[in-house]
Amino acid sequence: MRNTENVILQELNKLNDEIFRLYYSGYHKEAINEANNLLSIAKNKLGQQHPSLSIFHDNLKYIRTQPVENWRSNRVNMQLTEKKDRIDGIKRELRFTEISEGDVTLSAEAGTPYQNRKLISILFGLALITQVVLITFYFQFKDIYLNRYQEYNPSAMLNMEEINQVENFIIPELREKVILEAPLILQYPELPRGCEVTSLAMLLQYAGIDIDKMTLAAEVKKDPTPYQLKNGKVFFGNPYNGYVGDMYTLQRPGLGVYYGPILELAETYMENRVVNLTGGSFDDLYYFINKDIPVWIITNSRYKKLGDNHFQTWETPTGPIRITYRLHSVLVTGYDDNYIYFNDPLVNSKNRKIKKEDFEDAWVQMGRQAISYLPEGKTLDMILPNDNR
């Protein structure tokens, strides 16, 4: 069992950060409940006189009195269950973490100054980092935090360099609605299974690169494993390793390709500029589109979560893999409160739209696969907030 106070403070601040994510997503009542729970956990773990309690108490008071109806309530739009799972995971971590008696005086009398100067510096830094999500409100609360810090540790010197770094940090704002004017390229008739390279061609052309789908189809890495059916089992290639089967005709076996070979191919045209968003939050896609940068993704052709009957397992040279013939790829071009917009290489109409929840469910089920790029002169910290990188 770990017994460092620093670990507990880090976990509490992580929990605090998740609660504000919940709050900013419009789940006001849930955020109040979790903030109450956080304060109780902090009292139990740190003792009644620990200086961090006042910070958590102020956060609870703020959440209670400031409904978030007009502030990004639908912009950071992870599912409520996903948010609760993350919060519950941190709570489980805290449940098995205790402070040793030598770390802090848990039964200090009221008014006893807190002596751990190094810890206060860490605590104050963590509190400031946590409040980055409240950067719009930060300046009106700064004096409160500084006064409290000096009250608990009057002899400590304030590190103004750290304060200035936080003040100069800018959280990227998300616009209400963004729909990009990206090229639409159809995969038919030349590439009936070529949605992945066709969507990549849209992305590259949007970035100003003169390239066509047929060139990309020839260049994308292939998995040469032939299709075989033995004893009721399918033996075929692995789309993580390369394009599987024939993309030029439906008369021969084929499937498609996943993000890895597409990312490698994109790198040959935009060296050191391709960004792999695979495995991240769907919020990352919003942030890129918000900066007028479309995103290539893997989804399914129904744009909603599929039932198990749509999947089967293949044997490949690198092991079994679960696949669906509903595999599809599109270029995401926009969002608003209710819909995701995208260019579909199967449909001759720009900026097709699907409900956000369904679209995200399909993307998550297909492995959260996404890539984009950095325009000339832009860096990742200009696009994504710190906690998304």
Protein backbone atom coordinates (compact mmCIF):
# COMPACT_ATOMS: atom_id res chain seq x y z
CA MET A 1 0.00 0.00 0.00
CA ARG A 2 1.45 3.37 -1.03
CA ASN A 3 1.73 5.92 1.70
CA THR A 4 2.92 9.19 0.15
CA GLU A 5 0.87 12.31 0.59
CA ASN A 6 2.03 13.52 -2.81
CA VAL A 7 0.31 10.59 -4.52
CA ILE A 8 -2.97 11.34 -2.75
CA LEU A 9 -2.79 15.02 -3.71
CA GLN A 10 -2.15 14.10 -7.34
CA GLU A 11 -5.11 11.71 -7.39
CA LEU A 12 -7.38 14.25 -5.69
CA ASN A 13 -6.45 16.89 -8.23
CA LYS A 14 -7.03 14.43 -11.08
CA LEU A 15 -10.45 13.73 -9.60
CA ASN A 16 -11.08 17.47 -9.28
CA ASP A 17 -10.16 17.93 -12.94
CA GLU A 18 -12.56 15.17 -14.02
CA ILE A 19 -15.35 16.78 -12.00
CA PHE A 20 -14.87 20.05 -13.86
CA ARG A 21 -14.96 18.12 -17.15
CA LEU A 22 -18.30 16.73 -16.02
CA TYR A 23 -19.42 20.23 -15.04
CA TYR A 24 -18.39 21.80 -18.36
CA SER A 25 -20.23 19.07 -20.26
CA GLY A 26 -23.53 20.23 -18.75
CA TYR A 27 -23.91 17.57 -16.04
CA HIS A 28 -24.45 20.09 -13.25
CA LYS A 29 -26.14 17.89 -10.62
CA GLU A 30 -23.70 15.04 -11.18
CA ALA A 31 -20.77 17.43 -10.81
CA ILE A 32 -22.16 18.76 -7.50
CA ASN A 33 -22.52 15.21 -6.16
CA GLU A 34 -18.99 14.28 -7.17
CA ALA A 35 -17.56 17.51 -5.74
CA ASN A 36 -19.24 16.68 -2.41
CA ASN A 37 -17.73 13.20 -2.57
CA LEU A 38 -14.30 14.66 -3.34
CA LEU A 39 -14.44 16.92 -0.29
CA SER A 40 -15.38 13.95 1.93
CA ILE A 41 -12.58 11.82 0.51
CA ALA A 42 -10.06 14.65 0.99
CA LYS A 43 -11.10 15.10 4.63
CA ASN A 44 -10.81 11.39 5.27
CA LYS A 45 -7.43 11.02 3.57
CA LEU A 46 -5.73 14.29 4.53
CA GLY A 47 -7.38 15.35 7.80
CA GLN A 48 -9.61 18.28 8.70
CA GLN A 49 -6.84 20.91 8.79
CA HIS A 50 -5.13 20.23 5.48
CA PRO A 51 -4.89 23.45 3.37
CA SER A 52 -6.10 21.78 0.18
CA LEU A 53 -9.55 21.29 1.73
CA SER A 54 -10.32 24.98 1.37
CA ILE A 55 -9.57 24.79 -2.36
CA PHE A 56 -11.85 21.80 -2.87
CA HIS A 57 -14.51 23.52 -0.76
CA ASP A 58 -14.30 26.66 -2.92
CA ASN A 59 -14.61 24.54 -6.06
CA LEU A 60 -17.74 22.85 -4.67
CA LYS A 61 -19.23 26.24 -3.82
CA TYR A 62 -18.47 27.53 -7.31
CA ILE A 63 -20.06 24.51 -9.04
CA ARG A 64 -23.15 24.79 -6.83
CA THR A 65 -23.73 28.46 -7.60
CA GLN A 66 -22.67 28.66 -11.25
CA PRO A 67 -24.74 26.50 -13.64
CA VAL A 68 -22.86 26.02 -16.87
CA GLU A 69 -25.78 26.51 -19.25
CA ASN A 70 -24.02 29.14 -21.35
CA TRP A 71 -20.42 27.88 -21.27
CA ARG A 72 -19.36 25.03 -23.53
CA SER A 73 -22.10 22.80 -22.10
CA ASN A 74 -22.22 20.71 -25.26
CA ARG A 75 -18.73 21.30 -26.59
CA VAL A 76 -16.78 18.76 -24.53
CA ASN A 77 -19.17 15.96 -25.21
CA MET A 78 -17.89 12.66 -23.83
CA GLN A 79 -20.62 10.27 -22.77
CA LEU A 80 -21.74 10.65 -19.15
CA THR A 81 -20.98 6.99 -18.48
CA GLU A 82 -17.42 7.42 -19.73
CA LYS A 83 -16.90 10.42 -17.47
CA LYS A 84 -18.32 8.56 -14.48
CA ASP A 85 -16.07 5.58 -15.21
CA ARG A 86 -13.00 7.82 -15.12
CA ILE A 87 -14.10 9.40 -11.86
CA ASP A 88 -14.84 6.02 -10.30
CA GLY A 89 -11.43 4.75 -11.39
CA ILE A 90 -9.67 7.56 -9.53
CA LYS A 91 -11.83 6.91 -6.46
CA ARG A 92 -10.74 3.27 -6.50
CA GLU A 93 -7.11 4.39 -6.66
CA LEU A 94 -7.64 6.65 -3.65
CA ARG A 95 -9.40 3.92 -1.67
CA PHE A 96 -6.17 1.92 -1.43
CA THR A 97 -3.83 4.85 -0.85
CA GLU A 98 -3.08 6.04 2.68
CA ILE A 99 -0.82 8.66 4.26
CA SER A 100 1.82 7.56 6.72
CA GLU A 101 1.84 9.31 10.08
CA GLY A 102 5.13 11.03 9.36
CA ASP A 103 3.91 12.78 6.24
CA VAL A 104 1.47 15.24 7.81
CA THR A 105 -0.11 15.98 11.17
CA LEU A 106 -3.65 14.71 10.62
CA SER A 107 -5.02 16.00 13.95
CA ALA A 108 -3.54 19.47 13.90
CA GLU A 109 -5.37 22.01 16.03
CA ALA A 110 -7.14 24.88 14.37
CA GLY A 111 -4.75 27.66 13.49
CA THR A 112 -1.65 25.43 13.46
CA PRO A 113 0.48 26.53 10.50
CA TYR A 114 1.17 23.88 7.89
CA GLN A 115 4.94 23.37 7.81
CA ASN A 116 5.69 21.30 4.71
CA ARG A 117 6.93 24.10 2.48
CA LYS A 118 7.80 21.86 -0.45
CA LEU A 119 4.39 20.21 -0.34
CA ILE A 120 2.63 23.57 -0.29
CA SER A 121 4.52 24.55 -3.45
CA ILE A 122 3.46 21.30 -5.07
CA LEU A 123 -0.10 21.72 -3.83
CA PHE A 124 -0.33 25.26 -5.09
CA GLY A 125 1.08 24.29 -8.47
CA LEU A 126 -1.39 21.42 -8.75
CA ALA A 127 -4.26 23.68 -7.72
CA LEU A 128 -3.30 26.17 -10.41
CA ILE A 129 -3.02 23.46 -13.04
CA THR A 130 -6.43 22.16 -12.04
CA GLN A 131 -7.84 25.65 -12.42
CA VAL A 132 -6.59 25.90 -16.00
CA VAL A 133 -10.01 24.56 -16.96
CA LEU A 134 -11.37 27.71 -15.31
CA ILE A 135 -8.92 30.04 -17.01
CA THR A 136 -11.67 32.51 -17.94
CA PHE A 137 -12.44 32.90 -14.25
CA TYR A 138 -8.88 32.50 -13.00
CA PHE A 139 -7.96 36.15 -12.59
CA GLN A 140 -10.86 36.97 -10.28
CA PHE A 141 -9.87 34.10 -7.95
CA LYS A 142 -6.08 34.49 -8.11
CA ASP A 143 -5.78 36.76 -5.08
CA ILE A 144 -7.87 34.36 -2.98
CA TYR A 145 -5.49 31.49 -3.76
CA LEU A 146 -2.37 33.57 -3.17
CA ASN A 147 -3.62 34.89 0.15
CA ARG A 148 -4.59 31.42 1.32
CA TYR A 149 -1.23 30.06 0.25
CA GLN A 150 0.64 32.68 2.26
CA GLU A 151 -1.73 32.26 5.20
CA TYR A 152 -0.81 28.59 5.56
CA ASN A 153 2.87 29.20 4.88
CA PRO A 154 3.73 32.85 5.62
CA SER A 155 7.47 32.34 5.16
CA ALA A 156 7.18 30.84 1.68
CA MET A 157 8.20 32.87 -1.39
CA LEU A 158 5.73 32.82 -4.28
CA ASN A 159 7.11 31.45 -7.57
CA MET A 160 5.83 34.13 -9.94
CA GLU A 161 7.37 32.43 -12.96
CA GLU A 162 5.00 29.49 -12.47
CA ILE A 163 2.06 31.86 -11.98
CA ASN A 164 2.87 33.74 -15.18
CA GLN A 165 3.12 30.49 -17.13
CA VAL A 166 -0.43 29.63 -16.09
CA GLU A 167 -1.69 33.14 -16.83
CA ASN A 168 -0.19 33.04 -20.32
CA PHE A 169 -1.72 29.65 -21.11
CA ILE A 170 -4.68 29.80 -23.49
CA ILE A 171 -7.28 27.05 -23.74
CA PRO A 172 -8.42 26.67 -27.35
CA GLU A 173 -12.01 27.88 -27.66
CA LEU A 174 -14.49 25.68 -29.52
CA ARG A 175 -16.81 27.47 -31.91
CA GLU A 176 -20.54 26.75 -31.84
CA LYS A 177 -20.56 25.30 -35.35
CA VAL A 178 -17.87 24.51 -37.92
CA ILE A 179 -18.36 23.06 -41.40
CA LEU A 180 -15.28 22.93 -43.62
CA GLU A 181 -15.21 23.18 -47.39
CA ALA A 182 -13.07 20.11 -48.12
CA PRO A 183 -12.77 18.28 -51.45
CA LEU A 184 -15.21 15.43 -52.05
CA ILE A 185 -13.78 12.47 -53.96
CA LEU A 186 -15.80 9.36 -54.78
CA GLN A 187 -14.21 5.92 -54.55
CA TYR A 188 -16.43 4.46 -57.28
CA PRO A 189 -16.11 3.23 -59.93
CA GLU A 190 -12.34 2.69 -59.77
CA LEU A 191 -11.97 1.70 -56.10
CA PRO A 192 -15.07 -0.07 -54.77
CA ARG A 193 -13.09 -1.01 -51.64
CA GLY A 194 -10.85 2.04 -51.61
CA CYS A 195 -12.60 4.28 -49.07
CA GLU A 196 -9.46 4.63 -46.90
CA VAL A 197 -7.14 5.95 -49.63
CA THR A 198 -9.95 8.03 -51.14
CA SER A 199 -10.60 9.76 -47.81
CA LEU A 200 -6.85 10.26 -47.42
CA ALA A 201 -6.78 11.91 -50.86
CA MET A 202 -9.44 14.37 -49.63
CA LEU A 203 -7.33 15.18 -46.56
CA LEU A 204 -4.13 15.66 -48.56
CA GLN A 205 -5.82 17.79 -51.21
CA TYR A 206 -7.34 19.97 -48.49
CA ALA A 207 -3.79 20.43 -47.16
CA GLY A 208 -2.73 21.69 -50.59
CA ILE A 209 -1.06 18.53 -51.86
CA ASP A 210 -1.72 17.58 -55.49
CA ILE A 211 -2.45 13.86 -55.24
CA ASP A 212 -5.16 11.48 -56.45
CA LYS A 213 -6.78 8.36 -55.05
CA MET A 214 -5.30 6.01 -57.67
CA THR A 215 -1.74 7.01 -56.81
CA LEU A 216 -2.43 6.44 -53.12
CA ALA A 217 -4.09 3.10 -53.89
CA ALA A 218 -0.93 1.95 -55.63
CA GLU A 219 1.34 3.24 -52.87
CA VAL A 220 -0.43 2.09 -49.70
CA LYS A 221 1.26 -0.83 -47.96
CA LYS A 222 -0.35 -4.19 -48.71
CA ASP A 223 -0.71 -7.37 -46.67
CA PRO A 224 -0.19 -10.06 -49.34
CA THR A 225 -1.71 -12.90 -47.29
CA PRO A 226 -4.11 -14.80 -49.60
CA TYR A 227 -7.68 -15.59 -48.63
CA GLN A 228 -8.21 -19.19 -47.50
CA LEU A 229 -11.10 -21.03 -45.90
CA LYS A 230 -10.00 -24.07 -43.87
CA ASN A 231 -12.17 -26.13 -41.55
CA GLY A 232 -14.70 -23.34 -41.35
CA LYS A 233 -12.06 -20.72 -40.45
CA VAL A 234 -11.05 -17.75 -42.58
CA PHE A 235 -7.31 -17.18 -43.03
CA PHE A 236 -6.55 -13.72 -44.45
CA GLY A 237 -4.46 -10.60 -43.90
CA ASN A 238 -4.34 -8.11 -41.03
CA PRO A 239 -5.56 -4.57 -41.86
CA TYR A 240 -3.27 -3.17 -39.16
CA ASN A 241 -0.31 -4.40 -41.22
CA GLY A 242 -1.44 -3.41 -44.72
CA TYR A 243 -4.31 -3.34 -47.18
CA VAL A 244 -6.09 -6.71 -47.15
CA GLY A 245 -7.36 -8.17 -50.43
CA ASP A 246 -8.42 -6.45 -53.63
CA MET A 247 -9.62 -2.85 -53.55
CA TYR A 248 -10.24 -2.62 -57.31
CA THR A 249 -13.03 -5.17 -57.68
CA LEU A 250 -15.70 -6.85 -55.58
CA GLN A 251 -15.29 -10.05 -57.56
CA ARG A 252 -12.29 -11.08 -55.47
CA PRO A 253 -11.91 -11.24 -51.67
CA GLY A 254 -10.97 -8.04 -49.88
CA LEU A 255 -11.58 -5.85 -46.87
CA GLY A 256 -9.53 -2.69 -46.40
CA VAL A 257 -6.84 -1.17 -44.22
CA TYR A 258 -6.58 0.47 -40.79
CA TYR A 259 -4.88 3.66 -39.67
CA GLY A 260 -1.25 2.47 -39.46
CA PRO A 261 -0.46 2.04 -43.17
CA ILE A 262 -2.53 5.15 -43.98
CA LEU A 263 -0.52 7.19 -41.47
CA GLU A 264 2.75 5.92 -42.98
CA LEU A 265 1.53 6.85 -46.46
CA ALA A 266 0.44 10.32 -45.33
CA GLU A 267 3.89 10.86 -43.79
CA THR A 268 5.49 10.49 -47.22
CA TYR A 269 3.58 13.59 -48.34
CA MET A 270 3.61 15.59 -45.09
CA GLU A 271 6.79 14.61 -43.30
CA ASN A 272 6.73 15.35 -39.55
CA ARG A 273 3.31 16.97 -39.88
CA VAL A 274 0.95 14.00 -39.59
CA VAL A 275 -0.81 13.67 -36.22
CA ASN A 276 -1.98 10.28 -34.98
CA LEU A 277 -5.18 10.79 -32.98
CA THR A 278 -5.88 7.05 -32.68
CA GLY A 279 -6.89 5.87 -29.23
CA GLY A 280 -7.74 9.35 -27.99
CA SER A 281 -10.94 11.14 -27.11
CA PHE A 282 -13.51 12.13 -29.71
CA ASP A 283 -13.01 15.65 -28.34
CA ASP A 284 -9.66 15.73 -30.17
CA LEU A 285 -11.52 15.67 -33.48
CA TYR A 286 -13.54 18.71 -32.42
CA TYR A 287 -10.39 20.64 -31.59
CA PHE A 288 -8.81 19.95 -34.99
CA ILE A 289 -11.96 20.82 -36.92
CA ASN A 290 -12.32 23.93 -34.75
CA LYS A 291 -8.96 25.03 -36.21
CA ASP A 292 -10.21 24.33 -39.75
CA ILE A 293 -8.39 21.00 -40.07
CA PRO A 294 -10.42 17.96 -41.18
CA VAL A 295 -9.79 14.50 -39.74
CA TRP A 296 -9.51 11.09 -41.46
CA ILE A 297 -11.21 8.31 -39.51
CA ILE A 298 -12.22 4.65 -39.59
CA THR A 299 -15.91 3.99 -38.95
CA ASN A 300 -18.57 1.63 -40.28
CA SER A 301 -20.92 2.15 -43.21
CA ARG A 302 -23.97 2.46 -40.94
CA TYR A 303 -22.48 5.18 -38.69
CA LYS A 304 -23.76 3.65 -35.48
CA LYS A 305 -22.71 0.88 -33.12
CA LEU A 306 -23.05 -2.51 -34.80
CA GLY A 307 -24.37 -5.71 -33.29
CA ASP A 308 -22.10 -8.71 -32.82
CA ASN A 309 -23.69 -10.38 -35.85
CA HIS A 310 -21.81 -7.92 -38.07
CA PHE A 311 -18.41 -9.15 -36.86
CA GLN A 312 -16.35 -12.27 -37.47
CA THR A 313 -12.90 -13.48 -36.47
CA TRP A 314 -10.12 -14.21 -38.95
CA GLU A 315 -6.85 -15.98 -38.47
CA THR A 316 -3.90 -13.90 -39.70
CA PRO A 317 -0.11 -14.42 -39.76
CA THR A 318 0.09 -12.19 -36.66
CA GLY A 319 -2.82 -13.77 -34.78
CA PRO A 320 -6.63 -13.67 -34.77
CA ILE A 321 -8.43 -10.42 -35.50
CA ARG A 322 -12.09 -9.41 -35.22
CA ILE A 323 -13.33 -7.64 -38.36
CA THR A 324 -16.51 -6.39 -39.99
CA TYR A 325 -17.29 -6.08 -43.68
CA ARG A 326 -19.05 -2.84 -42.74
CA LEU A 327 -15.58 -1.26 -42.43
CA HIS A 328 -15.57 2.27 -43.87
CA SER A 329 -13.50 5.46 -43.86
CA VAL A 330 -14.59 9.10 -44.21
CA LEU A 331 -13.22 12.62 -43.79
CA VAL A 332 -14.78 14.45 -40.83
CA THR A 333 -15.43 18.06 -41.82
CA GLY A 334 -17.62 19.66 -39.17
CA TYR A 335 -19.77 19.62 -36.06
CA ASP A 336 -22.56 21.48 -34.32
CA ASP A 337 -24.60 20.82 -31.19
CA ASN A 338 -26.32 17.77 -32.63
CA TYR A 339 -24.47 16.49 -35.68
CA ILE A 340 -21.13 15.46 -37.09
CA TYR A 341 -20.49 16.43 -40.72
CA PHE A 342 -18.29 14.44 -43.09
CA ASN A 343 -17.40 13.79 -46.71
CA ASP A 344 -18.34 10.22 -47.56
CA PRO A 345 -16.51 8.70 -50.56
CA LEU A 346 -19.64 6.60 -51.21
CA VAL A 347 -22.07 9.56 -51.44
CA ASN A 348 -21.96 12.37 -53.99
CA SER A 349 -22.88 15.09 -51.49
CA LYS A 350 -20.57 17.19 -49.34
CA ASN A 351 -20.87 17.43 -45.59
CA ARG A 352 -23.25 14.58 -44.95
CA LYS A 353 -24.48 14.68 -41.34
CA ILE A 354 -25.15 12.03 -38.68
CA LYS A 355 -26.16 12.45 -35.03
CA LYS A 356 -23.13 12.92 -32.78
CA GLU A 357 -23.87 10.08 -30.39
CA ASP A 358 -24.29 7.48 -33.14
CA PHE A 359 -21.24 8.67 -35.04
CA GLU A 360 -19.02 8.59 -31.97
CA ASP A 361 -20.30 5.14 -30.96
CA ALA A 362 -19.33 3.75 -34.37
CA TRP A 363 -15.88 5.36 -34.19
CA VAL A 364 -15.22 4.00 -30.70
CA GLN A 365 -16.34 0.51 -31.69
CA MET A 366 -13.92 0.54 -34.64
CA GLY A 367 -10.95 1.29 -32.41
CA ARG A 368 -10.90 5.12 -32.18
CA GLN A 369 -8.80 5.33 -35.35
CA ALA A 370 -8.08 8.85 -36.63
CA ILE A 371 -5.29 10.89 -38.18
CA SER A 372 -4.92 14.54 -39.17
CA TYR A 373 -2.08 16.97 -39.79
CA LEU A 374 -0.47 20.21 -38.66
CA PRO A 375 -0.73 23.08 -41.15
CA GLU A 376 2.46 25.02 -41.80
CA GLY A 377 3.34 27.23 -38.85
CA LYS A 378 1.05 25.44 -36.38
CA THR A 379 2.03 23.28 -33.42
CA LEU A 380 -0.03 20.77 -31.48
CA ASP A 381 -0.35 23.07 -28.45
CA MET A 382 -2.12 25.61 -30.69
CA ILE A 383 -4.84 23.04 -31.36
CA LEU A 384 -5.28 20.74 -28.36
CA PRO A 385 -5.55 21.75 -24.69
CA ASN A 386 -2.84 20.38 -22.40
CA ASP A 387 -4.87 17.51 -20.97
CA ASN A 388 -5.73 16.14 -24.42
CA ARG A 389 -2.11 15.81 -25.59
